[in-house]
Amino acid sequence: MLANYVPILLFLIFGTLFGCVLVGAGFIVSWLLGTRRPDSEKLSAYECGFEPFEETRMKFDVRYYLVAILFIIFDLEIAFFIPWAVVLDKLGMFGLLAMVIFVVELVIGFFVVWKRGALEWE
């Protein structure tokens, strides 16, 4: 029974080795043939085409991360509507009631976040 998997194992081993050899050969060839002429422009910090305004290790405002996390949370919760809508006819009134409770909790959470000022930038 296990003998049937030997060709698959050999294929995986040779495929991995072949890929590693090609990547390594490409790296070596590009290192040998590539030109190396570093100058001040190539070695300088690059930020959207102009010099950075401040230190590169500056602290970001927590509100930026908070808004990003809130977006992900609400976006993922909204994704639950798709499978619910597909099987709504099979779920019946119980499925409708469960989704109403879910939407009410989602709206309450949104208003709590809004009232606490988590969505304000200034």
N, C-alpha and C. Protein backbone atom coordinates (compact mmCIF):
# COMPACT_ATOMS: atom_id res chain seq x y z
N MET A 1 0.82 -1.20 0.00
CA MET A 1 0.00 0.00 0.00
C MET A 1 0.86 1.25 0.00
N LEU A 2 1.88 1.29 0.86
CA LEU A 2 2.75 2.45 0.91
C LEU A 2 3.61 2.58 -0.33
N ALA A 3 3.82 1.48 -1.04
CA ALA A 3 4.63 1.52 -2.26
C ALA A 3 3.98 2.41 -3.32
N ASN A 4 2.69 2.61 -3.24
CA ASN A 4 2.01 3.48 -4.21
C ASN A 4 2.39 4.94 -4.02
N TYR A 5 2.87 5.31 -2.84
CA TYR A 5 3.22 6.70 -2.56
C TYR A 5 4.68 7.03 -2.85
N VAL A 6 5.49 6.03 -3.19
CA VAL A 6 6.91 6.28 -3.47
C VAL A 6 7.09 7.23 -4.64
N PRO A 7 6.37 7.09 -5.76
CA PRO A 7 6.55 8.07 -6.85
C PRO A 7 6.20 9.49 -6.44
N ILE A 8 5.20 9.66 -5.59
CA ILE A 8 4.84 10.99 -5.12
C ILE A 8 5.94 11.56 -4.24
N LEU A 9 6.49 10.74 -3.36
CA LEU A 9 7.58 11.17 -2.51
C LEU A 9 8.81 11.55 -3.34
N LEU A 10 9.14 10.73 -4.33
CA LEU A 10 10.27 11.06 -5.21
C LEU A 10 10.02 12.35 -5.98
N PHE A 11 8.81 12.54 -6.46
CA PHE A 11 8.46 13.76 -7.18
C PHE A 11 8.64 14.98 -6.27
N LEU A 12 8.19 14.89 -5.03
CA LEU A 12 8.33 16.02 -4.10
C LEU A 12 9.80 16.29 -3.79
N ILE A 13 10.58 15.25 -3.59
CA ILE A 13 12.00 15.44 -3.28
C ILE A 13 12.73 16.07 -4.46
N PHE A 14 12.56 15.49 -5.66
CA PHE A 14 13.24 16.04 -6.83
C PHE A 14 12.74 17.43 -7.19
N GLY A 15 11.47 17.68 -7.03
CA GLY A 15 10.94 19.01 -7.30
C GLY A 15 11.50 20.05 -6.35
N THR A 16 11.61 19.70 -5.08
CA THR A 16 12.19 20.62 -4.09
C THR A 16 13.67 20.87 -4.39
N LEU A 17 14.40 19.80 -4.67
CA LEU A 17 15.82 19.96 -5.00
C LEU A 17 16.02 20.79 -6.26
N PHE A 18 15.23 20.52 -7.27
CA PHE A 18 15.33 21.27 -8.53
C PHE A 18 15.03 22.75 -8.30
N GLY A 19 14.01 23.05 -7.53
CA GLY A 19 13.68 24.45 -7.22
C GLY A 19 14.80 25.13 -6.45
N CYS A 20 15.36 24.44 -5.46
CA CYS A 20 16.47 25.02 -4.67
C CYS A 20 17.69 25.26 -5.54
N VAL A 21 18.01 24.31 -6.44
CA VAL A 21 19.16 24.48 -7.32
C VAL A 21 18.94 25.68 -8.25
N LEU A 22 17.75 25.83 -8.81
CA LEU A 22 17.50 26.95 -9.70
C LEU A 22 17.57 28.29 -8.97
N VAL A 23 17.02 28.37 -7.78
CA VAL A 23 17.08 29.62 -7.01
C VAL A 23 18.52 29.93 -6.64
N GLY A 24 19.26 28.92 -6.19
CA GLY A 24 20.66 29.14 -5.84
C GLY A 24 21.50 29.54 -7.03
N ALA A 25 21.27 28.89 -8.17
CA ALA A 25 22.02 29.23 -9.38
C ALA A 25 21.68 30.65 -9.83
N GLY A 26 20.41 31.02 -9.75
CA GLY A 26 20.03 32.38 -10.12
C GLY A 26 20.66 33.41 -9.22
N PHE A 27 20.73 33.12 -7.93
CA PHE A 27 21.36 34.03 -6.99
C PHE A 27 22.85 34.19 -7.29
N ILE A 28 23.52 33.07 -7.55
CA ILE A 28 24.96 33.11 -7.82
C ILE A 28 25.25 33.84 -9.12
N VAL A 29 24.47 33.56 -10.17
CA VAL A 29 24.68 34.23 -11.46
C VAL A 29 24.44 35.73 -11.34
N SER A 30 23.39 36.14 -10.64
CA SER A 30 23.12 37.57 -10.49
C SER A 30 24.20 38.24 -9.64
N TRP A 31 24.75 37.52 -8.66
CA TRP A 31 25.82 38.09 -7.84
C TRP A 31 27.10 38.24 -8.66
N LEU A 32 27.37 37.26 -9.53
CA LEU A 32 28.59 37.33 -10.34
C LEU A 32 28.49 38.37 -11.46
N LEU A 33 27.33 38.47 -12.10
CA LEU A 33 27.19 39.34 -13.26
C LEU A 33 26.65 40.72 -12.92
N GLY A 34 26.10 40.90 -11.73
CA GLY A 34 25.50 42.19 -11.37
C GLY A 34 26.53 43.26 -11.12
N THR A 35 26.15 44.49 -11.44
CA THR A 35 27.06 45.61 -11.19
C THR A 35 26.83 46.14 -9.79
N ARG A 36 27.93 46.52 -9.14
CA ARG A 36 27.85 47.07 -7.80
C ARG A 36 28.49 48.44 -7.82
N ARG A 37 27.65 49.45 -7.89
CA ARG A 37 28.13 50.83 -7.84
C ARG A 37 27.31 51.62 -6.83
N PRO A 38 27.53 51.38 -5.53
CA PRO A 38 26.74 52.12 -4.54
C PRO A 38 27.15 53.59 -4.52
N ASP A 39 26.16 54.44 -4.45
CA ASP A 39 26.42 55.87 -4.30
C ASP A 39 25.50 56.41 -3.20
N SER A 40 25.57 57.69 -2.95
CA SER A 40 24.79 58.26 -1.85
C SER A 40 23.29 58.15 -2.08
N GLU A 41 22.85 58.21 -3.33
CA GLU A 41 21.42 58.09 -3.62
C GLU A 41 20.90 56.69 -3.34
N LYS A 42 21.67 55.69 -3.72
CA LYS A 42 21.23 54.31 -3.49
C LYS A 42 21.26 53.93 -2.02
N LEU A 43 22.15 54.52 -1.27
CA LEU A 43 22.28 54.17 0.14
C LEU A 43 21.44 55.04 1.05
N SER A 44 20.76 56.05 0.51
CA SER A 44 19.96 56.95 1.34
C SER A 44 18.60 56.33 1.67
N ALA A 45 17.98 56.84 2.73
CA ALA A 45 16.64 56.38 3.10
C ALA A 45 15.64 56.88 2.08
N TYR A 46 14.70 56.02 1.70
CA TYR A 46 13.72 56.37 0.67
C TYR A 46 12.33 56.28 1.27
N GLU A 47 11.57 57.35 1.13
CA GLU A 47 10.21 57.37 1.65
C GLU A 47 9.34 58.16 0.68
N CYS A 48 8.68 57.48 -0.22
CA CYS A 48 7.73 58.08 -1.16
C CYS A 48 8.39 59.16 -2.02
N GLY A 49 9.64 59.03 -2.35
CA GLY A 49 10.28 59.95 -3.27
C GLY A 49 10.87 61.19 -2.63
N PHE A 50 10.79 61.35 -1.33
CA PHE A 50 11.38 62.52 -0.68
C PHE A 50 12.03 62.11 0.63
N GLU A 51 12.83 62.97 1.16
CA GLU A 51 13.54 62.68 2.39
C GLU A 51 12.56 62.53 3.55
N PRO A 52 12.83 61.64 4.48
CA PRO A 52 11.93 61.48 5.63
C PRO A 52 11.91 62.74 6.49
N PHE A 53 10.74 63.03 7.03
CA PHE A 53 10.56 64.22 7.86
C PHE A 53 11.20 64.07 9.23
N GLU A 54 11.03 62.91 9.82
CA GLU A 54 11.44 62.72 11.21
C GLU A 54 12.27 61.45 11.33
N GLU A 55 12.52 61.10 12.56
CA GLU A 55 13.24 59.87 12.85
C GLU A 55 12.44 58.68 12.32
N THR A 56 13.11 57.68 11.79
CA THR A 56 12.42 56.52 11.23
C THR A 56 11.76 55.65 12.29
N ARG A 57 12.18 55.79 13.53
CA ARG A 57 11.60 54.99 14.61
C ARG A 57 10.60 55.79 15.42
N MET A 58 9.86 56.66 14.75
CA MET A 58 8.88 57.46 15.48
C MET A 58 7.69 56.60 15.89
N LYS A 59 6.99 57.05 16.91
CA LYS A 59 5.84 56.30 17.41
C LYS A 59 4.60 56.68 16.60
N PHE A 60 3.79 55.68 16.31
CA PHE A 60 2.53 55.92 15.63
C PHE A 60 1.44 56.13 16.67
N ASP A 61 0.44 56.86 16.28
CA ASP A 61 -0.69 57.10 17.16
C ASP A 61 -1.48 55.80 17.31
N VAL A 62 -1.91 55.51 18.51
CA VAL A 62 -2.64 54.27 18.79
C VAL A 62 -3.97 54.24 18.03
N ARG A 63 -4.54 55.41 17.77
CA ARG A 63 -5.84 55.45 17.09
C ARG A 63 -5.76 54.82 15.70
N TYR A 64 -4.61 54.93 15.05
CA TYR A 64 -4.45 54.31 13.73
C TYR A 64 -4.66 52.81 13.83
N TYR A 65 -4.00 52.17 14.80
CA TYR A 65 -4.14 50.73 14.99
C TYR A 65 -5.55 50.37 15.46
N LEU A 66 -6.13 51.20 16.29
CA LEU A 66 -7.47 50.93 16.80
C LEU A 66 -8.49 50.93 15.67
N VAL A 67 -8.41 51.90 14.78
CA VAL A 67 -9.33 51.94 13.65
C VAL A 67 -9.11 50.74 12.74
N ALA A 68 -7.86 50.36 12.53
CA ALA A 68 -7.57 49.19 11.69
C ALA A 68 -8.15 47.92 12.30
N ILE A 69 -7.97 47.74 13.60
CA ILE A 69 -8.51 46.55 14.27
C ILE A 69 -10.03 46.56 14.25
N LEU A 70 -10.63 47.71 14.47
CA LEU A 70 -12.09 47.79 14.42
C LEU A 70 -12.61 47.46 13.04
N PHE A 71 -11.92 47.94 12.00
CA PHE A 71 -12.34 47.62 10.64
C PHE A 71 -12.29 46.11 10.41
N ILE A 72 -11.22 45.48 10.84
CA ILE A 72 -11.10 44.03 10.65
C ILE A 72 -12.20 43.30 11.41
N ILE A 73 -12.45 43.70 12.64
CA ILE A 73 -13.49 43.03 13.43
C ILE A 73 -14.86 43.16 12.77
N PHE A 74 -15.24 44.38 12.41
CA PHE A 74 -16.57 44.57 11.81
C PHE A 74 -16.65 43.94 10.42
N ASP A 75 -15.56 43.96 9.69
CA ASP A 75 -15.55 43.35 8.36
C ASP A 75 -15.73 41.85 8.47
N LEU A 76 -15.06 41.22 9.42
CA LEU A 76 -15.21 39.77 9.58
C LEU A 76 -16.60 39.40 10.06
N GLU A 77 -17.17 40.24 10.91
CA GLU A 77 -18.52 39.93 11.38
C GLU A 77 -19.53 40.08 10.25
N ILE A 78 -19.32 41.02 9.39
CA ILE A 78 -20.22 41.18 8.24
C ILE A 78 -20.11 39.97 7.31
N ALA A 79 -18.94 39.33 7.27
CA ALA A 79 -18.76 38.16 6.41
C ALA A 79 -19.64 36.99 6.83
N PHE A 80 -20.17 37.02 8.05
CA PHE A 80 -21.08 35.96 8.48
C PHE A 80 -22.44 36.04 7.79
N PHE A 81 -22.73 37.16 7.16
CA PHE A 81 -24.02 37.30 6.47
C PHE A 81 -24.11 36.40 5.24
N ILE A 82 -23.02 36.14 4.57
CA ILE A 82 -23.06 35.38 3.31
C ILE A 82 -23.52 33.94 3.55
N PRO A 83 -22.87 33.18 4.43
CA PRO A 83 -23.38 31.81 4.62
C PRO A 83 -24.78 31.78 5.21
N TRP A 84 -25.11 32.78 6.03
CA TRP A 84 -26.45 32.83 6.59
C TRP A 84 -27.48 33.04 5.49
N ALA A 85 -27.17 33.93 4.55
CA ALA A 85 -28.11 34.21 3.46
C ALA A 85 -28.27 33.01 2.54
N VAL A 86 -27.23 32.21 2.40
CA VAL A 86 -27.31 31.04 1.52
C VAL A 86 -28.25 29.97 2.10
N VAL A 87 -28.24 29.79 3.40
CA VAL A 87 -29.05 28.73 4.01
C VAL A 87 -30.24 29.28 4.78
N LEU A 88 -30.65 30.50 4.50
CA LEU A 88 -31.75 31.10 5.26
C LEU A 88 -33.04 30.31 5.12
N ASP A 89 -33.32 29.79 3.94
CA ASP A 89 -34.57 29.04 3.77
C ASP A 89 -34.58 27.75 4.58
N LYS A 90 -33.41 27.17 4.86
CA LYS A 90 -33.35 25.94 5.65
C LYS A 90 -33.40 26.24 7.15
N LEU A 91 -32.92 27.43 7.55
CA LEU A 91 -32.89 27.78 8.96
C LEU A 91 -34.25 28.20 9.49
N GLY A 92 -35.03 28.83 8.65
CA GLY A 92 -36.36 29.24 9.05
C GLY A 92 -36.34 30.40 10.03
N MET A 93 -37.35 30.43 10.90
CA MET A 93 -37.52 31.54 11.84
C MET A 93 -36.39 31.56 12.89
N PHE A 94 -35.89 30.39 13.28
CA PHE A 94 -34.80 30.35 14.24
C PHE A 94 -33.56 31.05 13.68
N GLY A 95 -33.22 30.81 12.42
CA GLY A 95 -32.07 31.45 11.78
C GLY A 95 -32.26 32.94 11.66
N LEU A 96 -33.48 33.37 11.35
CA LEU A 96 -33.76 34.81 11.24
C LEU A 96 -33.62 35.47 12.61
N LEU A 97 -34.15 34.85 13.65
CA LEU A 97 -34.05 35.41 14.99
C LEU A 97 -32.58 35.46 15.47
N ALA A 98 -31.82 34.42 15.18
CA ALA A 98 -30.40 34.40 15.56
C ALA A 98 -29.64 35.52 14.87
N MET A 99 -29.94 35.78 13.59
CA MET A 99 -29.25 36.84 12.87
C MET A 99 -29.69 38.22 13.35
N VAL A 100 -30.94 38.36 13.74
CA VAL A 100 -31.39 39.64 14.29
C VAL A 100 -30.64 39.94 15.58
N ILE A 101 -30.50 38.94 16.45
CA ILE A 101 -29.73 39.12 17.69
C ILE A 101 -28.28 39.49 17.36
N PHE A 102 -27.70 38.82 16.39
CA PHE A 102 -26.33 39.10 15.99
C PHE A 102 -26.18 40.53 15.47
N VAL A 103 -27.12 40.97 14.65
CA VAL A 103 -27.06 42.33 14.10
C VAL A 103 -27.25 43.36 15.20
N VAL A 104 -28.13 43.10 16.13
CA VAL A 104 -28.34 44.04 17.24
C VAL A 104 -27.06 44.15 18.07
N GLU A 105 -26.41 43.03 18.37
CA GLU A 105 -25.14 43.08 19.09
C GLU A 105 -24.08 43.85 18.29
N LEU A 106 -24.05 43.65 16.99
CA LEU A 106 -23.10 44.35 16.14
C LEU A 106 -23.34 45.85 16.14
N VAL A 107 -24.58 46.25 16.06
CA VAL A 107 -24.92 47.68 16.07
C VAL A 107 -24.62 48.30 17.43
N ILE A 108 -24.93 47.58 18.52
CA ILE A 108 -24.61 48.09 19.85
C ILE A 108 -23.10 48.27 20.00
N GLY A 109 -22.33 47.30 19.55
CA GLY A 109 -20.88 47.42 19.60
C GLY A 109 -20.37 48.59 18.79
N PHE A 110 -20.96 48.81 17.62
CA PHE A 110 -20.56 49.94 16.79
C PHE A 110 -20.85 51.27 17.49
N PHE A 111 -22.01 51.40 18.09
CA PHE A 111 -22.34 52.65 18.79
C PHE A 111 -21.48 52.87 20.03
N VAL A 112 -21.13 51.79 20.73
CA VAL A 112 -20.24 51.92 21.89
C VAL A 112 -18.88 52.43 21.44
N VAL A 113 -18.35 51.87 20.36
CA VAL A 113 -17.06 52.32 19.84
C VAL A 113 -17.15 53.76 19.37
N TRP A 114 -18.25 54.12 18.74
CA TRP A 114 -18.44 55.48 18.22
C TRP A 114 -18.53 56.48 19.38
N LYS A 115 -19.31 56.14 20.41
CA LYS A 115 -19.48 57.06 21.55
C LYS A 115 -18.19 57.24 22.34
N ARG A 116 -17.36 56.23 22.40
CA ARG A 116 -16.09 56.35 23.10
C ARG A 116 -15.05 57.14 22.32
N GLY A 117 -15.38 57.49 21.07
CA GLY A 117 -14.50 58.31 20.26
C GLY A 117 -13.38 57.56 19.58
N ALA A 118 -13.52 56.25 19.44
CA ALA A 118 -12.46 55.47 18.82
C ALA A 118 -12.36 55.73 17.32
N LEU A 119 -13.40 56.28 16.73
CA LEU A 119 -13.37 56.53 15.28
C LEU A 119 -12.99 57.97 14.95
N GLU A 120 -12.69 58.76 15.97
CA GLU A 120 -12.30 60.16 15.75
C GLU A 120 -10.79 60.25 15.51
N TRP A 121 -10.40 61.06 14.55
CA TRP A 121 -8.98 61.25 14.25
C TRP A 121 -8.36 62.42 14.98
N GLU A 122 -9.15 63.34 15.42
CA GLU A 122 -8.58 64.54 16.03
C GLU A 122 -9.00 64.68 17.48
